[in-house]
Amino acid sequence: MASEITFPASLTALSPLAEWLNAQMAALPVDEGWRFSLDLAVCEVATNIIRHSLHQQAAATFSIAFAASAQEVQLTFRDNGEPFPAERLLAAQQENGLEMTPDLESGRGLKLILLSVDSFTVQRQADVNIATLCKKWGVEEASG
């Protein structure tokens, strides 16, 4: 099962995004906790794209592709805004638990993403940012 959608670079896109994601997850045999974790991560990634990469530019857009397999769900976000600083992801991955440096407000959302999914990667190809979330389900669900 795969689906893709495009949203404007506006915080008003978060509600329709949540509705779209809920529809994509409807057929998955997962509990509400699993759904909440994925929804949280998706909204955090979208918010980061809207605020930091695209700077809420009225004409800018980002796309999200949803794919579910027998083992996991994968969401791929694409935008052509400012590159994501790789060092921020590395720093968040190295933090222990929810402990954060007090003055790094911008790192909290990234840490929430990492705690909510099994993997999160960011890359840049041909002036396009590509962020990918993966969350396992089924047998693996109990661990994540």
N, C-alpha and C. Protein backbone atom coordinates (compact mmCIF):
# COMPACT_ATOMS: atom_id res chain seq x y z
N MET A 1 0.85 -1.18 0.00
CA MET A 1 0.00 0.00 0.00
C MET A 1 0.89 1.23 0.00
N ALA A 2 0.70 2.13 -0.98
CA ALA A 2 1.49 3.34 -1.06
C ALA A 2 0.59 4.50 -1.46
N SER A 3 0.92 5.68 -0.95
CA SER A 3 0.15 6.88 -1.23
C SER A 3 1.06 8.08 -1.09
N GLU A 4 0.81 9.13 -1.86
CA GLU A 4 1.61 10.35 -1.76
C GLU A 4 0.70 11.56 -1.83
N ILE A 5 1.09 12.63 -1.11
CA ILE A 5 0.29 13.85 -1.07
C ILE A 5 1.24 15.04 -0.91
N THR A 6 0.78 16.21 -1.35
CA THR A 6 1.56 17.44 -1.24
C THR A 6 0.78 18.45 -0.39
N PHE A 7 1.52 19.16 0.46
CA PHE A 7 0.92 20.16 1.35
C PHE A 7 1.63 21.49 1.18
N PRO A 8 0.95 22.61 1.47
CA PRO A 8 1.60 23.92 1.46
C PRO A 8 2.50 24.06 2.69
N ALA A 9 3.50 24.93 2.58
CA ALA A 9 4.43 25.18 3.69
C ALA A 9 3.79 26.13 4.68
N SER A 10 2.73 25.66 5.32
CA SER A 10 1.98 26.45 6.29
C SER A 10 1.61 25.56 7.46
N LEU A 11 1.64 26.12 8.66
CA LEU A 11 1.26 25.33 9.83
C LEU A 11 -0.20 24.89 9.76
N THR A 12 -1.01 25.55 8.94
CA THR A 12 -2.40 25.12 8.77
C THR A 12 -2.48 23.78 8.04
N ALA A 13 -1.39 23.31 7.47
CA ALA A 13 -1.37 22.01 6.79
C ALA A 13 -1.33 20.85 7.78
N LEU A 14 -1.00 21.12 9.05
CA LEU A 14 -0.84 20.03 10.01
C LEU A 14 -2.12 19.26 10.28
N SER A 15 -3.25 19.94 10.33
CA SER A 15 -4.52 19.25 10.57
C SER A 15 -4.90 18.35 9.40
N PRO A 16 -4.88 18.84 8.15
CA PRO A 16 -5.16 17.94 7.03
C PRO A 16 -4.13 16.81 6.92
N LEU A 17 -2.88 17.09 7.29
CA LEU A 17 -1.85 16.05 7.29
C LEU A 17 -2.22 14.95 8.27
N ALA A 18 -2.64 15.32 9.47
CA ALA A 18 -3.03 14.32 10.48
C ALA A 18 -4.21 13.48 10.00
N GLU A 19 -5.17 14.11 9.33
CA GLU A 19 -6.32 13.37 8.79
C GLU A 19 -5.87 12.39 7.70
N TRP A 20 -5.00 12.85 6.81
CA TRP A 20 -4.47 12.00 5.75
C TRP A 20 -3.72 10.81 6.35
N LEU A 21 -2.86 11.08 7.33
CA LEU A 21 -2.10 10.01 7.96
C LEU A 21 -3.02 9.00 8.64
N ASN A 22 -4.04 9.48 9.33
CA ASN A 22 -5.00 8.60 9.98
C ASN A 22 -5.66 7.67 8.96
N ALA A 23 -6.01 8.21 7.81
CA ALA A 23 -6.62 7.39 6.75
C ALA A 23 -5.63 6.34 6.24
N GLN A 24 -4.35 6.70 6.15
CA GLN A 24 -3.34 5.75 5.67
C GLN A 24 -3.15 4.61 6.67
N MET A 25 -3.25 4.93 7.96
CA MET A 25 -3.01 3.93 9.00
C MET A 25 -4.25 3.10 9.32
N ALA A 26 -5.41 3.47 8.80
CA ALA A 26 -6.68 2.84 9.20
C ALA A 26 -6.66 1.32 9.08
N ALA A 27 -6.07 0.78 8.05
CA ALA A 27 -6.09 -0.66 7.83
C ALA A 27 -4.99 -1.42 8.58
N LEU A 28 -4.09 -0.70 9.22
CA LEU A 28 -2.97 -1.37 9.90
C LEU A 28 -3.43 -1.98 11.23
N PRO A 29 -2.98 -3.19 11.53
CA PRO A 29 -3.35 -3.84 12.79
C PRO A 29 -2.43 -3.40 13.94
N VAL A 30 -2.52 -2.11 14.28
CA VAL A 30 -1.66 -1.55 15.34
C VAL A 30 -2.54 -0.86 16.37
N ASP A 31 -1.99 -0.69 17.58
CA ASP A 31 -2.78 -0.06 18.64
C ASP A 31 -2.65 1.47 18.60
N GLU A 32 -3.42 2.12 19.45
CA GLU A 32 -3.44 3.59 19.48
C GLU A 32 -2.09 4.19 19.89
N GLY A 33 -1.36 3.51 20.77
CA GLY A 33 -0.05 4.00 21.17
C GLY A 33 0.91 4.05 19.99
N TRP A 34 0.87 3.01 19.16
CA TRP A 34 1.71 2.95 17.97
C TRP A 34 1.33 4.08 17.02
N ARG A 35 0.03 4.25 16.80
CA ARG A 35 -0.47 5.31 15.91
C ARG A 35 -0.06 6.70 16.43
N PHE A 36 -0.21 6.91 17.74
CA PHE A 36 0.14 8.19 18.32
C PHE A 36 1.62 8.51 18.11
N SER A 37 2.48 7.52 18.33
CA SER A 37 3.92 7.73 18.15
C SER A 37 4.26 8.12 16.72
N LEU A 38 3.66 7.42 15.76
CA LEU A 38 3.94 7.75 14.36
C LEU A 38 3.38 9.13 14.02
N ASP A 39 2.18 9.43 14.47
CA ASP A 39 1.57 10.73 14.21
C ASP A 39 2.43 11.85 14.79
N LEU A 40 2.94 11.66 16.00
CA LEU A 40 3.80 12.66 16.63
C LEU A 40 5.05 12.91 15.79
N ALA A 41 5.70 11.83 15.36
CA ALA A 41 6.92 11.97 14.55
C ALA A 41 6.63 12.67 13.23
N VAL A 42 5.54 12.28 12.57
CA VAL A 42 5.18 12.88 11.28
C VAL A 42 4.91 14.38 11.45
N CYS A 43 4.17 14.75 12.47
CA CYS A 43 3.87 16.17 12.69
C CYS A 43 5.13 16.96 13.04
N GLU A 44 6.04 16.37 13.77
CA GLU A 44 7.30 17.05 14.10
C GLU A 44 8.15 17.27 12.85
N VAL A 45 8.25 16.25 11.99
CA VAL A 45 9.02 16.40 10.76
C VAL A 45 8.38 17.49 9.89
N ALA A 46 7.07 17.43 9.73
CA ALA A 46 6.38 18.42 8.91
C ALA A 46 6.57 19.83 9.47
N THR A 47 6.46 19.98 10.78
CA THR A 47 6.65 21.29 11.40
C THR A 47 8.06 21.81 11.16
N ASN A 48 9.05 20.94 11.28
CA ASN A 48 10.44 21.35 11.01
C ASN A 48 10.61 21.79 9.57
N ILE A 49 10.01 21.06 8.64
CA ILE A 49 10.11 21.44 7.22
C ILE A 49 9.45 22.81 7.01
N ILE A 50 8.26 22.97 7.52
CA ILE A 50 7.50 24.21 7.33
C ILE A 50 8.24 25.40 7.94
N ARG A 51 8.72 25.27 9.16
CA ARG A 51 9.32 26.41 9.86
C ARG A 51 10.77 26.67 9.48
N HIS A 52 11.57 25.61 9.38
CA HIS A 52 13.02 25.80 9.25
C HIS A 52 13.55 25.64 7.83
N SER A 53 12.96 24.77 7.05
CA SER A 53 13.45 24.56 5.69
C SER A 53 12.77 25.50 4.71
N LEU A 54 11.46 25.58 4.79
CA LEU A 54 10.69 26.40 3.84
C LEU A 54 10.28 27.75 4.39
N HIS A 55 10.48 27.99 5.68
CA HIS A 55 10.20 29.28 6.33
C HIS A 55 8.77 29.77 6.07
N GLN A 56 7.83 28.86 6.04
CA GLN A 56 6.41 29.18 5.87
C GLN A 56 6.14 30.06 4.65
N GLN A 57 6.89 29.86 3.57
CA GLN A 57 6.68 30.61 2.34
C GLN A 57 5.37 30.17 1.69
N ALA A 58 4.53 31.12 1.37
CA ALA A 58 3.19 30.81 0.86
C ALA A 58 3.20 29.92 -0.38
N ALA A 59 4.14 30.10 -1.27
CA ALA A 59 4.15 29.32 -2.51
C ALA A 59 4.87 27.98 -2.38
N ALA A 60 5.58 27.76 -1.29
CA ALA A 60 6.37 26.54 -1.14
C ALA A 60 5.48 25.36 -0.73
N THR A 61 5.91 24.17 -1.11
CA THR A 61 5.18 22.94 -0.75
C THR A 61 6.17 21.86 -0.33
N PHE A 62 5.64 20.83 0.30
CA PHE A 62 6.42 19.63 0.60
C PHE A 62 5.51 18.44 0.35
N SER A 63 6.13 17.30 0.04
CA SER A 63 5.33 16.11 -0.23
C SER A 63 5.68 15.02 0.77
N ILE A 64 4.73 14.12 0.94
CA ILE A 64 4.92 12.98 1.83
C ILE A 64 4.42 11.74 1.11
N ALA A 65 5.25 10.71 1.11
CA ALA A 65 4.84 9.41 0.56
C ALA A 65 4.73 8.43 1.72
N PHE A 66 3.65 7.67 1.74
CA PHE A 66 3.39 6.67 2.78
C PHE A 66 3.44 5.31 2.13
N ALA A 67 4.20 4.39 2.71
CA ALA A 67 4.25 3.02 2.21
C ALA A 67 4.24 2.07 3.40
N ALA A 68 3.40 1.05 3.32
CA ALA A 68 3.32 0.04 4.39
C ALA A 68 3.69 -1.31 3.80
N SER A 69 4.53 -2.03 4.53
CA SER A 69 4.88 -3.40 4.14
C SER A 69 4.40 -4.32 5.26
N ALA A 70 4.75 -5.57 5.17
CA ALA A 70 4.36 -6.53 6.20
C ALA A 70 5.12 -6.30 7.51
N GLN A 71 6.20 -5.54 7.46
CA GLN A 71 7.02 -5.34 8.65
C GLN A 71 7.04 -3.91 9.19
N GLU A 72 6.80 -2.92 8.32
CA GLU A 72 6.96 -1.55 8.77
C GLU A 72 6.17 -0.57 7.91
N VAL A 73 6.12 0.64 8.42
CA VAL A 73 5.58 1.77 7.68
C VAL A 73 6.74 2.70 7.42
N GLN A 74 6.78 3.24 6.21
CA GLN A 74 7.82 4.21 5.86
C GLN A 74 7.16 5.45 5.30
N LEU A 75 7.57 6.60 5.80
CA LEU A 75 7.10 7.88 5.27
C LEU A 75 8.31 8.65 4.78
N THR A 76 8.21 9.15 3.55
CA THR A 76 9.30 9.90 2.95
C THR A 76 8.81 11.31 2.64
N PHE A 77 9.48 12.29 3.22
CA PHE A 77 9.15 13.70 3.06
C PHE A 77 10.15 14.30 2.06
N ARG A 78 9.66 15.16 1.17
CA ARG A 78 10.53 15.84 0.21
C ARG A 78 10.19 17.33 0.19
N ASP A 79 11.24 18.14 0.19
CA ASP A 79 11.07 19.59 0.04
C ASP A 79 12.32 20.15 -0.60
N ASN A 80 12.20 21.33 -1.18
CA ASN A 80 13.37 21.95 -1.81
C ASN A 80 13.80 23.21 -1.07
N GLY A 81 13.64 23.19 0.23
CA GLY A 81 14.05 24.31 1.07
C GLY A 81 15.51 24.23 1.46
N GLU A 82 15.84 24.93 2.53
CA GLU A 82 17.22 24.93 3.03
C GLU A 82 17.61 23.53 3.48
N PRO A 83 18.89 23.17 3.29
CA PRO A 83 19.34 21.84 3.72
C PRO A 83 19.23 21.66 5.23
N PHE A 84 18.92 20.44 5.63
CA PHE A 84 18.87 20.09 7.05
C PHE A 84 20.31 19.91 7.55
N PRO A 85 20.69 20.56 8.65
CA PRO A 85 22.06 20.42 9.16
C PRO A 85 22.29 19.02 9.75
N ALA A 86 23.11 18.23 9.09
CA ALA A 86 23.35 16.85 9.51
C ALA A 86 23.88 16.77 10.94
N GLU A 87 24.62 17.78 11.37
CA GLU A 87 25.18 17.75 12.73
C GLU A 87 24.09 17.81 13.79
N ARG A 88 22.94 18.38 13.48
CA ARG A 88 21.84 18.43 14.46
C ARG A 88 21.26 17.05 14.69
N LEU A 89 21.12 16.27 13.62
CA LEU A 89 20.62 14.91 13.77
C LEU A 89 21.61 14.08 14.57
N LEU A 90 22.88 14.21 14.26
CA LEU A 90 23.92 13.47 14.99
C LEU A 90 23.90 13.84 16.47
N ALA A 91 23.79 15.12 16.79
CA ALA A 91 23.75 15.56 18.18
C ALA A 91 22.54 14.99 18.90
N ALA A 92 21.38 15.00 18.25
CA ALA A 92 20.16 14.45 18.87
C ALA A 92 20.28 12.95 19.08
N GLN A 93 20.91 12.26 18.15
CA GLN A 93 21.09 10.81 18.29
C GLN A 93 22.02 10.47 19.44
N GLN A 94 22.92 11.37 19.77
CA GLN A 94 23.89 11.11 20.83
C GLN A 94 23.38 11.51 22.21
N GLU A 95 22.28 12.25 22.29
CA GLU A 95 21.68 12.62 23.57
C GLU A 95 21.15 11.38 24.26
N ASN A 96 21.19 11.35 25.57
CA ASN A 96 20.66 10.22 26.34
C ASN A 96 19.22 10.49 26.73
N GLY A 97 18.32 9.59 26.35
CA GLY A 97 16.92 9.70 26.74
C GLY A 97 16.33 11.03 26.36
N LEU A 98 15.57 11.62 27.27
CA LEU A 98 14.95 12.91 27.01
C LEU A 98 15.78 14.08 27.52
N GLU A 99 16.96 13.80 28.07
CA GLU A 99 17.81 14.88 28.56
C GLU A 99 18.27 15.72 27.39
N MET A 100 18.04 17.01 27.49
CA MET A 100 18.42 17.92 26.43
C MET A 100 19.18 19.09 27.04
N THR A 101 20.04 19.69 26.25
CA THR A 101 20.69 20.91 26.68
C THR A 101 19.61 21.98 26.80
N PRO A 102 19.49 22.66 27.94
CA PRO A 102 18.38 23.59 28.18
C PRO A 102 18.18 24.65 27.11
N ASP A 103 19.26 25.16 26.51
CA ASP A 103 19.10 26.24 25.53
C ASP A 103 18.87 25.75 24.11
N LEU A 104 18.70 24.46 23.92
CA LEU A 104 18.47 23.92 22.58
C LEU A 104 17.00 23.59 22.35
N GLU A 105 16.14 24.60 22.38
CA GLU A 105 14.71 24.38 22.15
C GLU A 105 14.49 23.67 20.83
N SER A 106 15.26 24.05 19.82
CA SER A 106 15.05 23.49 18.50
C SER A 106 15.37 22.00 18.43
N GLY A 107 16.07 21.46 19.38
CA GLY A 107 16.41 20.04 19.35
C GLY A 107 15.36 19.12 19.94
N ARG A 108 14.38 19.67 20.63
CA ARG A 108 13.37 18.83 21.29
C ARG A 108 12.51 18.06 20.30
N GLY A 109 12.06 18.72 19.25
CA GLY A 109 11.24 18.04 18.25
C GLY A 109 12.00 16.91 17.58
N LEU A 110 13.26 17.15 17.30
CA LEU A 110 14.09 16.13 16.68
C LEU A 110 14.25 14.93 17.61
N LYS A 111 14.43 15.18 18.89
CA LYS A 111 14.54 14.09 19.85
C LYS A 111 13.23 13.31 19.94
N LEU A 112 12.09 14.01 19.92
CA LEU A 112 10.79 13.33 19.93
C LEU A 112 10.64 12.42 18.71
N ILE A 113 11.10 12.89 17.56
CA ILE A 113 11.05 12.06 16.35
C ILE A 113 11.84 10.78 16.58
N LEU A 114 13.06 10.92 17.07
CA LEU A 114 13.93 9.75 17.26
C LEU A 114 13.36 8.76 18.28
N LEU A 115 12.66 9.27 19.29
CA LEU A 115 12.07 8.40 20.30
C LEU A 115 10.78 7.73 19.83
N SER A 116 10.17 8.26 18.77
CA SER A 116 8.86 7.78 18.32
C SER A 116 8.91 6.76 17.19
N VAL A 117 10.03 6.67 16.49
CA VAL A 117 10.14 5.75 15.36
C VAL A 117 11.39 4.89 15.49
N ASP A 118 11.49 3.89 14.63
CA ASP A 118 12.65 3.00 14.66
C ASP A 118 13.85 3.58 13.93
N SER A 119 13.61 4.38 12.90
CA SER A 119 14.72 5.04 12.23
C SER A 119 14.26 6.35 11.59
N PHE A 120 15.19 7.29 11.53
CA PHE A 120 14.95 8.59 10.91
C PHE A 120 16.23 8.99 10.20
N THR A 121 16.14 9.21 8.90
CA THR A 121 17.30 9.62 8.13
C THR A 121 16.97 10.88 7.34
N VAL A 122 18.00 11.66 7.08
CA VAL A 122 17.85 12.87 6.28
C VAL A 122 19.00 12.91 5.29
N GLN A 123 18.68 13.21 4.04
CA GLN A 123 19.71 13.35 3.02
C GLN A 123 19.31 14.45 2.05
N ARG A 124 20.24 14.88 1.24
CA ARG A 124 19.96 15.90 0.23
C ARG A 124 20.44 15.36 -1.11
N GLN A 125 19.52 15.36 -2.08
CA GLN A 125 19.85 14.90 -3.43
C GLN A 125 19.32 15.92 -4.43
N ALA A 126 20.20 16.43 -5.27
CA ALA A 126 19.82 17.37 -6.33
C ALA A 126 18.94 18.51 -5.80
N ASP A 127 19.40 19.17 -4.74
CA ASP A 127 18.70 20.30 -4.13
C ASP A 127 17.35 19.95 -3.52
N VAL A 128 17.13 18.68 -3.21
CA VAL A 128 15.90 18.24 -2.56
C VAL A 128 16.26 17.58 -1.24
N ASN A 129 15.60 18.03 -0.16
CA ASN A 129 15.75 17.38 1.14
C ASN A 129 14.85 16.15 1.15
N ILE A 130 15.38 15.04 1.62
CA ILE A 130 14.61 13.80 1.73
C ILE A 130 14.76 13.29 3.15
N ALA A 131 13.65 13.30 3.89
CA ALA A 131 13.63 12.80 5.27
C ALA A 131 12.77 11.55 5.28
N THR A 132 13.28 10.48 5.89
CA THR A 132 12.55 9.21 5.90
C THR A 132 12.37 8.71 7.33
N LEU A 133 11.12 8.41 7.67
CA LEU A 133 10.77 7.80 8.96
C LEU A 133 10.40 6.35 8.71
N CYS A 134 10.86 5.44 9.56
CA CYS A 134 10.43 4.04 9.51
C CYS A 134 9.98 3.63 10.90
N LYS A 135 8.86 2.95 10.96
CA LYS A 135 8.35 2.43 12.23
C LYS A 135 7.89 1.00 11.98
N LYS A 136 8.48 0.09 12.72
CA LYS A 136 8.14 -1.33 12.58
C LYS A 136 6.81 -1.62 13.25
N TRP A 137 6.14 -2.66 12.75
CA TRP A 137 4.89 -3.09 13.36
C TRP A 137 4.80 -4.60 13.24
N GLY A 138 3.74 -5.17 13.76
CA GLY A 138 3.62 -6.63 13.76
C GLY A 138 4.38 -7.20 14.93
N VAL A 139 5.23 -8.17 14.69
CA VAL A 139 6.01 -8.82 15.74
C VAL A 139 6.90 -7.82 16.46
N GLU A 140 7.44 -6.86 15.73
CA GLU A 140 8.36 -5.89 16.30
C GLU A 140 7.65 -4.82 17.12
N GLU A 141 6.34 -4.69 16.97
CA GLU A 141 5.59 -3.59 17.58
C GLU A 141 5.82 -3.46 19.08
N ALA A 142 5.93 -4.56 19.77
CA ALA A 142 6.08 -4.53 21.23
C ALA A 142 7.34 -3.79 21.66
N SER A 143 8.37 -3.75 20.81
CA SER A 143 9.61 -3.09 21.20
C SER A 143 9.62 -1.61 20.86
N GLY A 144 8.72 -1.12 20.06
CA GLY A 144 8.83 0.26 19.64
C GLY A 144 7.57 0.98 19.77
